[in-house]
C-alpha atoms as a PDB file:
ATOM      1  CA  MET A   1     231.651 -32.085 -71.278  1.00  0.00           C
ATOM      2  CA  ILE A   2     232.497 -35.618 -72.388  1.00  0.00           C
ATOM      3  CA  LYS A   3     229.488 -37.928 -72.048  1.00  0.00           C
ATOM      4  CA  LEU A   4     230.744 -40.903 -74.076  1.00  0.00           C
ATOM      5  CA  PHE A   5     234.155 -42.572 -74.132  1.00  0.00           C
ATOM      6  CA  ALA A   6     234.524 -45.153 -76.884  1.00  0.00           C
ATOM      7  CA  MET A   7     237.671 -47.090 -77.576  1.00  0.00           C
ATOM      8  CA  ASP A   8     239.303 -49.623 -79.787  1.00  0.00           C
ATOM      9  CA  VAL A   9     240.333 -52.809 -77.969  1.00  0.00           C
ATOM     10  CA  ASP A  10     243.369 -54.500 -79.592  1.00  0.00           C
ATOM     11  CA  GLY A  11     246.329 -52.170 -79.186  1.00  0.00           C
ATOM     12  CA  THR A  12     244.430 -49.633 -77.085  1.00  0.00           C
ATOM     13  CA  LEU A  13     242.828 -51.502 -74.192  1.00  0.00           C
ATOM     14  CA  THR A  14     245.343 -54.321 -74.729  1.00  0.00           C
ATOM     15  CA  ASP A  15     248.989 -54.277 -75.765  1.00  0.00           C
ATOM     16  CA  GLY A  16     247.942 -55.654 -79.140  1.00  0.00           C
ATOM     17  CA  GLY A  17     249.201 -59.159 -78.423  1.00  0.00           C
ATOM     18  CA  ILE A  18     246.859 -62.032 -79.172  1.00  0.00           C
ATOM     19  CA  TYR A  19     247.768 -65.349 -77.606  1.00  0.00           C
ATOM     20  CA  MET A  20     246.491 -68.430 -79.468  1.00  0.00           C
ATOM     21  CA  ASP A  21     246.922 -71.952 -78.176  1.00  0.00           C
ATOM     22  CA  GLY A  22     246.492 -73.847 -81.443  1.00  0.00           C
ATOM     23  CA  SER A  23     243.174 -75.316 -80.266  1.00  0.00           C
ATOM     24  CA  GLY A  24     241.067 -72.268 -81.107  1.00  0.00           C
ATOM     25  CA  ASN A  25     241.382 -70.570 -77.729  1.00  0.00           C
ATOM     26  CA  GLU A  26     242.452 -66.967 -77.531  1.00  0.00           C
ATOM     27  CA  LEU A  27     243.831 -65.059 -74.576  1.00  0.00           C
ATOM     28  CA  LYS A  28     244.314 -61.318 -74.077  1.00  0.00           C
ATOM     29  CA  ARG A  29     245.959 -59.382 -71.284  1.00  0.00           C
ATOM     30  CA  PHE A  30     244.043 -56.479 -69.751  1.00  0.00           C
ATOM     31  CA  ASP A  31     245.567 -53.919 -67.384  1.00  0.00           C
ATOM     32  CA  VAL A  32     243.877 -53.643 -63.980  1.00  0.00           C
ATOM     33  CA  GLN A  33     244.524 -49.880 -63.793  1.00  0.00           C
ATOM     34  CA  ASP A  34     242.756 -49.422 -67.127  1.00  0.00           C
ATOM     35  CA  GLY A  35     239.803 -51.293 -65.650  1.00  0.00           C
ATOM     36  CA  GLN A  36     239.801 -49.017 -62.612  1.00  0.00           C
ATOM     37  CA  GLY A  37     239.788 -45.980 -64.911  1.00  0.00           C
ATOM     38  CA  ILE A  38     236.758 -47.372 -66.750  1.00  0.00           C
ATOM     39  CA  VAL A  39     234.971 -47.990 -63.433  1.00  0.00           C
ATOM     40  CA  ARG A  40     235.704 -44.396 -62.379  1.00  0.00           C
ATOM     41  CA  LEU A  41     234.333 -43.055 -65.667  1.00  0.00           C
ATOM     42  CA  LEU A  42     231.158 -45.097 -65.349  1.00  0.00           C
ATOM     43  CA  LYS A  43     230.663 -43.891 -61.760  1.00  0.00           C
ATOM     44  CA  SER A  44     231.105 -40.296 -62.936  1.00  0.00           C
ATOM     45  CA  GLY A  45     228.257 -40.753 -65.451  1.00  0.00           C
ATOM     46  CA  VAL A  46     230.326 -41.153 -68.617  1.00  0.00           C
ATOM     47  CA  LYS A  47     229.127 -43.955 -70.875  1.00  0.00           C
ATOM     48  CA  VAL A  48     231.876 -46.343 -72.009  1.00  0.00           C
ATOM     49  CA  VAL A  49     231.857 -48.425 -75.178  1.00  0.00           C
ATOM     50  CA  PHE A  50     234.240 -50.930 -76.774  1.00  0.00           C
ATOM     51  CA  ILE A  51     234.387 -50.913 -80.589  1.00  0.00           C
ATOM     52  CA  SER A  52     236.598 -53.696 -81.922  1.00  0.00           C
ATOM     53  CA  GLY A  53     237.315 -54.550 -85.527  1.00  0.00           C
ATOM     54  CA  ARG A  54     237.718 -58.214 -84.710  1.00  0.00           C
ATOM     55  CA  HIS A  55     235.422 -60.525 -82.804  1.00  0.00           C
ATOM     56  CA  SER A  56     236.949 -61.968 -79.670  1.00  0.00           C
ATOM     57  CA  ALA A  57     235.374 -63.754 -76.720  1.00  0.00           C
ATOM     58  CA  PRO A  58     237.846 -62.163 -74.253  1.00  0.00           C
ATOM     59  CA  THR A  59     236.728 -58.695 -75.396  1.00  0.00           C
ATOM     60  CA  GLN A  60     233.099 -59.467 -74.549  1.00  0.00           C
ATOM     61  CA  GLN A  61     234.163 -61.088 -71.281  1.00  0.00           C
ATOM     62  CA  ARG A  62     236.072 -57.935 -70.271  1.00  0.00           C
ATOM     63  CA  ALA A  63     233.114 -55.732 -71.212  1.00  0.00           C
ATOM     64  CA  ASP A  64     230.796 -57.906 -69.111  1.00  0.00           C
ATOM     65  CA  ASN A  65     233.280 -57.911 -66.240  1.00  0.00           C
ATOM     66  CA  LEU A  66     233.372 -54.096 -66.215  1.00  0.00           C
ATOM     67  CA  LYS A  67     229.580 -53.800 -66.696  1.00  0.00           C
ATOM     68  CA  ILE A  68     229.937 -52.075 -70.060  1.00  0.00           C
ATOM     69  CA  THR A  69     226.580 -52.286 -71.784  1.00  0.00           C
ATOM     70  CA  ARG A  70     227.713 -51.623 -75.375  1.00  0.00           C
ATOM     71  CA  CYS A  71     230.447 -53.762 -76.893  1.00  0.00           C
ATOM     72  CA  ILE A  72     230.728 -53.828 -80.667  1.00  0.00           C
ATOM     73  CA  ASN A  73     232.761 -56.964 -81.182  1.00  0.00           C
ATOM     74  CA  GLY A  74     233.827 -57.434 -84.794  1.00  0.00           C
ATOM     75  CA  THR A  75     232.816 -54.489 -86.979  1.00  0.00           C
ATOM     76  CA  ASP A  76     233.921 -53.417 -90.421  1.00  0.00           C
ATOM     77  CA  ASP A  77     232.833 -49.784 -89.911  1.00  0.00           C
ATOM     78  CA  LYS A  78     233.789 -48.312 -86.551  1.00  0.00           C
ATOM     79  CA  LEU A  79     232.665 -44.783 -87.406  1.00  0.00           C
ATOM     80  CA  ARG A  80     229.188 -45.935 -88.451  1.00  0.00           C
ATOM     81  CA  ASP A  81     228.843 -47.804 -85.157  1.00  0.00           C
ATOM     82  CA  LEU A  82     230.199 -44.919 -83.073  1.00  0.00           C
ATOM     83  CA  LYS A  83     227.814 -42.437 -84.691  1.00  0.00           C
ATOM     84  CA  ALA A  84     224.844 -44.789 -84.198  1.00  0.00           C
ATOM     85  CA  ILE A  85     225.653 -45.328 -80.514  1.00  0.00           C
ATOM     86  CA  ALA A  86     226.150 -41.620 -79.846  1.00  0.00           C
ATOM     87  CA  SER A  87     222.983 -40.681 -81.714  1.00  0.00           C
ATOM     88  CA  GLY A  88     220.980 -43.352 -79.892  1.00  0.00           C
ATOM     89  CA  TRP A  89     221.974 -41.807 -76.573  1.00  0.00           C
ATOM     90  CA  GLY A  90     221.505 -38.214 -77.795  1.00  0.00           C
ATOM     91  CA  ILE A  91     225.243 -37.536 -77.547  1.00  0.00           C
ATOM     92  CA  THR A  92     227.012 -35.248 -80.022  1.00  0.00           C
ATOM     93  CA  ALA A  93     230.450 -35.658 -81.569  1.00  0.00           C
ATOM     94  CA  ALA A  94     231.671 -32.793 -79.345  1.00  0.00           C
ATOM     95  CA  GLU A  95     230.570 -34.775 -76.274  1.00  0.00           C
ATOM     96  CA  THR A  96     232.416 -37.905 -77.430  1.00  0.00           C
ATOM     97  CA  ALA A  97     235.974 -39.053 -76.777  1.00  0.00           C
ATOM     98  CA  TYR A  98     237.477 -41.905 -78.785  1.00  0.00           C
ATOM     99  CA  ALA A  99     240.804 -43.662 -78.213  1.00  0.00           C
ATOM    100  CA  GLY A 100     242.563 -45.793 -80.791  1.00  0.00           C
ATOM    101  CA  ASP A 101     245.921 -46.904 -82.084  1.00  0.00           C
ATOM    102  CA  ASP A 102     245.852 -47.596 -85.813  1.00  0.00           C
ATOM    103  CA  VAL A 103     244.452 -46.774 -89.250  1.00  0.00           C
ATOM    104  CA  PRO A 104     240.956 -48.274 -88.649  1.00  0.00           C
ATOM    105  CA  ASP A 105     240.542 -45.794 -85.755  1.00  0.00           C
ATOM    106  CA  ILE A 106     241.426 -42.594 -87.624  1.00  0.00           C
ATOM    107  CA  GLU A 107     237.895 -41.675 -88.724  1.00  0.00           C
ATOM    108  CA  CYS A 108     236.605 -42.090 -85.154  1.00  0.00           C
ATOM    109  CA  ILE A 109     239.515 -40.082 -83.712  1.00  0.00           C
ATOM    110  CA  LYS A 110     238.811 -37.260 -86.183  1.00  0.00           C
ATOM    111  CA  TRP A 111     235.017 -37.307 -85.668  1.00  0.00           C
ATOM    112  CA  SER A 112     235.130 -37.161 -81.883  1.00  0.00           C
ATOM    113  CA  GLY A 113     235.337 -33.934 -79.909  1.00  0.00           C
ATOM    114  CA  LEU A 114     238.303 -35.450 -78.098  1.00  0.00           C
ATOM    115  CA  GLY A 115     240.273 -37.755 -80.375  1.00  0.00           C
ATOM    116  CA  ILE A 116     242.921 -39.756 -78.552  1.00  0.00           C
ATOM    117  CA  ALA A 117     245.804 -41.916 -79.722  1.00  0.00           C
ATOM    118  CA  VAL A 118     247.791 -44.123 -77.357  1.00  0.00           C
ATOM    119  CA  ALA A 119     251.554 -43.549 -77.054  1.00  0.00           C
ATOM    120  CA  ASN A 120     252.462 -46.485 -79.293  1.00  0.00           C
ATOM    121  CA  ALA A 121     249.830 -45.686 -81.945  1.00  0.00           C
ATOM    122  CA  HIS A 122     250.691 -45.800 -85.610  1.00  0.00           C
ATOM    123  CA  PRO A 123     251.989 -42.334 -86.615  1.00  0.00           C
ATOM    124  CA  SER A 124     248.985 -41.748 -88.894  1.00  0.00           C
ATOM    125  CA  ALA A 125     246.598 -42.191 -85.955  1.00  0.00           C
ATOM    126  CA  ALA A 126     248.689 -40.046 -83.613  1.00  0.00           C
ATOM    127  CA  ALA A 127     248.916 -37.257 -86.204  1.00  0.00           C
ATOM    128  CA  CYS A 128     245.150 -36.664 -86.183  1.00  0.00           C
ATOM    129  CA  ALA A 129     244.624 -36.946 -82.411  1.00  0.00           C
ATOM    130  CA  ASP A 130     243.863 -34.053 -80.072  1.00  0.00           C
ATOM    131  CA  TYR A 131     245.626 -35.885 -77.262  1.00  0.00           C
ATOM    132  CA  VAL A 132     248.324 -38.576 -77.286  1.00  0.00           C
ATOM    133  CA  THR A 133     248.784 -40.541 -74.081  1.00  0.00           C
ATOM    134  CA  GLU A 134     252.137 -40.945 -72.383  1.00  0.00           C
ATOM    135  CA  ARG A 135     251.345 -44.571 -71.571  1.00  0.00           C
ATOM    136  CA  GLN A 136     251.120 -47.335 -74.139  1.00  0.00           C
ATOM    137  CA  GLY A 137     248.071 -49.351 -75.129  1.00  0.00           C
ATOM    138  CA  GLY A 138     247.384 -52.126 -72.618  1.00  0.00           C
ATOM    139  CA  LYS A 139     249.785 -50.525 -70.159  1.00  0.00           C
ATOM    140  CA  GLY A 140     247.749 -47.781 -68.516  1.00  0.00           C
ATOM    141  CA  ALA A 141     246.787 -45.682 -71.560  1.00  0.00           C
ATOM    142  CA  VAL A 142     243.062 -46.132 -70.943  1.00  0.00           C
ATOM    143  CA  ARG A 143     243.491 -45.153 -67.276  1.00  0.00           C
ATOM    144  CA  GLU A 144     245.307 -42.035 -68.455  1.00  0.00           C
ATOM    145  CA  CYS A 145     242.411 -41.284 -70.827  1.00  0.00           C
ATOM    146  CA  ALA A 146     239.884 -41.788 -68.032  1.00  0.00           C
ATOM    147  CA  ASP A 147     241.767 -39.503 -65.652  1.00  0.00           C
ATOM    148  CA  HIS A 148     242.061 -36.855 -68.392  1.00  0.00           C
ATOM    149  CA  ILE A 149     238.326 -37.002 -69.198  1.00  0.00           C
ATOM    150  CA  ILE A 150     237.352 -36.779 -65.527  1.00  0.00           C
ATOM    151  CA  LYS A 151     239.609 -33.740 -65.078  1.00  0.00           C
ATOM    152  CA  LEU A 152     238.137 -32.084 -68.180  1.00  0.00           C
ATOM    153  CA  ASN A 153     234.604 -32.760 -66.979  1.00  0.00           C
ATOM    154  CA  ASN A 154     235.474 -31.265 -63.575  1.00  0.00           C
ATOM    155  CA  GLY A 155     236.844 -28.102 -65.195  1.00  0.00           C
ATOM    156  CA  GLU A 156     240.493 -28.990 -64.662  1.00  0.00           C
ATOM    157  CA  ASP A 157     243.184 -29.497 -67.352  1.00  0.00           C
ATOM    158  CA  ARG A 158     242.060 -26.602 -69.548  1.00  0.00           C
END
């Protein structure tokens, strides 16, 4: 049973593009279907967390918008943060799913009971994943993860 779904943001929840306007403002594109998947996970009782290696106001805004209570926004040690969050909620590695797309996500993908790489992940991240999505980061991959987790938790997809 997956109780915690944690994910990278840039390249996983987004397509990896970062739009800068030259005045210090940053924009990111988020997929509405990914958001719906997160809402469905939360309603099913799965805790959802963002763990991003870079600080970004749009990341926090999206977390707030989706009512995600834990958003690590700008960390240099994703695995440390993932373990601390899981432990704080009494959740084991086996009860954790993590989705990512690149080298900084590998340790979290390996540690989690369900390690996920998005379709356009770097080959080194995909190679250590239990599950690789068909959809790309920022283009429905997180919705695919959510649907997969819900099916697993309901005893389907085994």
